[in-house]
Amino acid sequence: MSNTANILLVDDEPGMQRYIKTLLEVDDYKVETASTGEEALERVQKGLQPDLVLLDVLMPGIDG
């Protein structure tokens, strides 16, 4: 079964971001990443249309 959901992953910890992205891509999800809440908002304002946003709850600036 192929998953086609587009996921926006927002996490300020590079290691955690890589780990979660890898887990999702193994299951055929398309994963876009951002390192800050501001970057995530900018990407959405520029046209990114994720089906799901996974957002770290504790980040500097805008968080979950």
N, C-alpha and C. Protein backbone atom coordinates (compact mmCIF):
# COMPACT_ATOMS: atom_id res chain seq x y z
N MET A 1 0.84 -1.18 0.00
CA MET A 1 0.00 0.00 0.00
C MET A 1 0.89 1.24 0.00
N SER A 2 0.63 2.16 -0.88
CA SER A 2 1.44 3.37 -1.00
C SER A 2 0.73 4.55 -0.37
N ASN A 3 1.43 5.24 0.52
CA ASN A 3 0.90 6.45 1.13
C ASN A 3 1.35 7.63 0.29
N THR A 4 0.43 8.54 0.02
CA THR A 4 0.78 9.69 -0.80
C THR A 4 0.65 11.00 -0.05
N ALA A 5 0.46 10.94 1.25
CA ALA A 5 0.30 12.15 2.04
C ALA A 5 1.59 12.97 2.04
N ASN A 6 1.41 14.28 1.96
CA ASN A 6 2.52 15.22 2.06
C ASN A 6 2.58 15.72 3.50
N ILE A 7 3.74 15.56 4.13
CA ILE A 7 3.90 15.91 5.53
C ILE A 7 4.93 17.02 5.66
N LEU A 8 4.59 18.03 6.45
CA LEU A 8 5.54 19.09 6.79
C LEU A 8 6.02 18.80 8.20
N LEU A 9 7.30 18.52 8.33
CA LEU A 9 7.93 18.19 9.61
C LEU A 9 8.71 19.41 10.09
N VAL A 10 8.35 19.91 11.27
CA VAL A 10 9.00 21.10 11.81
C VAL A 10 9.67 20.74 13.13
N ASP A 11 11.00 20.79 13.13
CA ASP A 11 11.76 20.47 14.34
C ASP A 11 13.09 21.20 14.30
N ASP A 12 13.49 21.79 15.42
CA ASP A 12 14.74 22.55 15.46
C ASP A 12 15.96 21.69 15.78
N GLU A 13 15.76 20.42 16.03
CA GLU A 13 16.88 19.52 16.30
C GLU A 13 17.17 18.70 15.04
N PRO A 14 18.30 18.97 14.37
CA PRO A 14 18.60 18.30 13.10
C PRO A 14 18.58 16.78 13.18
N GLY A 15 19.12 16.21 14.24
CA GLY A 15 19.14 14.75 14.36
C GLY A 15 17.75 14.15 14.45
N MET A 16 16.89 14.77 15.22
CA MET A 16 15.51 14.29 15.35
C MET A 16 14.77 14.47 14.03
N GLN A 17 15.01 15.59 13.37
CA GLN A 17 14.36 15.85 12.08
C GLN A 17 14.74 14.78 11.06
N ARG A 18 16.04 14.45 10.98
CA ARG A 18 16.49 13.40 10.04
C ARG A 18 15.88 12.05 10.38
N TYR A 19 15.84 11.71 11.67
CA TYR A 19 15.31 10.43 12.12
C TYR A 19 13.83 10.28 11.76
N ILE A 20 13.03 11.27 12.09
CA ILE A 20 11.59 11.20 11.81
C ILE A 20 11.35 11.19 10.30
N LYS A 21 12.09 12.02 9.56
CA LYS A 21 11.93 12.06 8.10
C LYS A 21 12.22 10.69 7.50
N THR A 22 13.29 10.05 7.95
CA THR A 22 13.64 8.72 7.44
C THR A 22 12.54 7.71 7.73
N LEU A 23 12.02 7.71 8.95
CA LEU A 23 10.94 6.78 9.31
C LEU A 23 9.72 6.97 8.41
N LEU A 24 9.37 8.21 8.13
CA LEU A 24 8.20 8.48 7.30
C LEU A 24 8.45 8.12 5.83
N GLU A 25 9.63 8.43 5.33
CA GLU A 25 9.93 8.14 3.93
C GLU A 25 9.99 6.64 3.66
N VAL A 26 10.38 5.85 4.64
CA VAL A 26 10.37 4.39 4.49
C VAL A 26 8.96 3.90 4.19
N ASP A 27 7.97 4.58 4.72
CA ASP A 27 6.56 4.23 4.47
C ASP A 27 5.97 5.02 3.31
N ASP A 28 6.82 5.58 2.46
CA ASP A 28 6.44 6.26 1.21
C ASP A 28 5.72 7.59 1.39
N TYR A 29 5.87 8.23 2.54
CA TYR A 29 5.33 9.58 2.70
C TYR A 29 6.30 10.56 2.07
N LYS A 30 5.76 11.64 1.51
CA LYS A 30 6.60 12.73 1.00
C LYS A 30 6.76 13.72 2.14
N VAL A 31 8.00 13.98 2.55
CA VAL A 31 8.26 14.80 3.73
C VAL A 31 9.04 16.05 3.35
N GLU A 32 8.49 17.20 3.69
CA GLU A 32 9.18 18.48 3.60
C GLU A 32 9.56 18.87 5.02
N THR A 33 10.68 19.57 5.19
CA THR A 33 11.12 19.92 6.53
C THR A 33 11.31 21.43 6.67
N ALA A 34 11.19 21.87 7.92
CA ALA A 34 11.50 23.24 8.31
C ALA A 34 12.11 23.17 9.70
N SER A 35 13.01 24.11 9.99
CA SER A 35 13.71 24.10 11.27
C SER A 35 13.12 25.07 12.29
N THR A 36 12.23 25.94 11.84
CA THR A 36 11.59 26.90 12.75
C THR A 36 10.12 27.03 12.38
N GLY A 37 9.34 27.52 13.33
CA GLY A 37 7.93 27.79 13.04
C GLY A 37 7.78 28.85 11.98
N GLU A 38 8.65 29.85 12.02
CA GLU A 38 8.61 30.92 11.02
C GLU A 38 8.88 30.38 9.62
N GLU A 39 9.85 29.49 9.51
CA GLU A 39 10.17 28.88 8.21
C GLU A 39 8.98 28.06 7.70
N ALA A 40 8.34 27.34 8.59
CA ALA A 40 7.17 26.53 8.20
C ALA A 40 6.05 27.42 7.68
N LEU A 41 5.76 28.51 8.39
CA LEU A 41 4.72 29.44 7.93
C LEU A 41 5.07 30.04 6.58
N GLU A 42 6.32 30.40 6.39
CA GLU A 42 6.76 30.97 5.12
C GLU A 42 6.57 29.97 3.98
N ARG A 43 6.90 28.72 4.21
CA ARG A 43 6.76 27.69 3.17
C ARG A 43 5.29 27.51 2.79
N VAL A 44 4.40 27.53 3.79
CA VAL A 44 2.97 27.39 3.51
C VAL A 44 2.46 28.62 2.76
N GLN A 45 2.91 29.81 3.16
CA GLN A 45 2.49 31.03 2.47
C GLN A 45 2.96 31.06 1.03
N LYS A 46 4.05 30.36 0.73
CA LYS A 46 4.58 30.30 -0.64
C LYS A 46 3.96 29.17 -1.45
N GLY A 47 2.98 28.46 -0.86
CA GLY A 47 2.25 27.48 -1.65
C GLY A 47 2.34 26.03 -1.22
N LEU A 48 3.19 25.71 -0.25
CA LEU A 48 3.25 24.33 0.23
C LEU A 48 1.91 23.97 0.85
N GLN A 49 1.35 22.82 0.46
CA GLN A 49 0.05 22.39 0.97
C GLN A 49 0.17 21.01 1.61
N PRO A 50 0.65 20.97 2.86
CA PRO A 50 0.81 19.67 3.52
C PRO A 50 -0.53 19.09 3.93
N ASP A 51 -0.61 17.77 3.91
CA ASP A 51 -1.79 17.08 4.42
C ASP A 51 -1.72 16.97 5.94
N LEU A 52 -0.50 17.01 6.47
CA LEU A 52 -0.28 16.88 7.91
C LEU A 52 0.95 17.69 8.28
N VAL A 53 0.87 18.38 9.42
CA VAL A 53 2.03 19.09 9.96
C VAL A 53 2.41 18.43 11.28
N LEU A 54 3.66 17.98 11.37
CA LEU A 54 4.20 17.46 12.62
C LEU A 54 5.12 18.54 13.17
N LEU A 55 4.75 19.09 14.33
CA LEU A 55 5.42 20.26 14.86
C LEU A 55 5.95 20.00 16.26
N ASP A 56 7.23 20.25 16.45
CA ASP A 56 7.84 20.16 17.78
C ASP A 56 7.12 21.15 18.70
N VAL A 57 6.81 20.72 19.90
CA VAL A 57 6.05 21.56 20.83
C VAL A 57 6.92 22.63 21.47
N LEU A 58 8.19 22.35 21.69
CA LEU A 58 9.08 23.31 22.36
C LEU A 58 10.22 23.71 21.44
N MET A 59 10.06 24.88 20.79
CA MET A 59 11.10 25.43 19.92
C MET A 59 11.23 26.91 20.22
N PRO A 60 12.40 27.50 19.93
CA PRO A 60 12.52 28.95 20.05
C PRO A 60 11.58 29.65 19.07
N GLY A 61 11.08 30.81 19.43
CA GLY A 61 10.17 31.54 18.54
C GLY A 61 8.80 30.88 18.53
N ILE A 62 8.25 30.71 17.36
CA ILE A 62 6.94 30.07 17.21
C ILE A 62 7.11 28.57 17.41
N ASP A 63 6.30 27.98 18.27
CA ASP A 63 6.36 26.54 18.48
C ASP A 63 4.96 25.94 18.45
N GLY A 64 4.88 24.66 18.75
CA GLY A 64 3.62 23.94 18.68
C GLY A 64 2.67 24.27 19.77
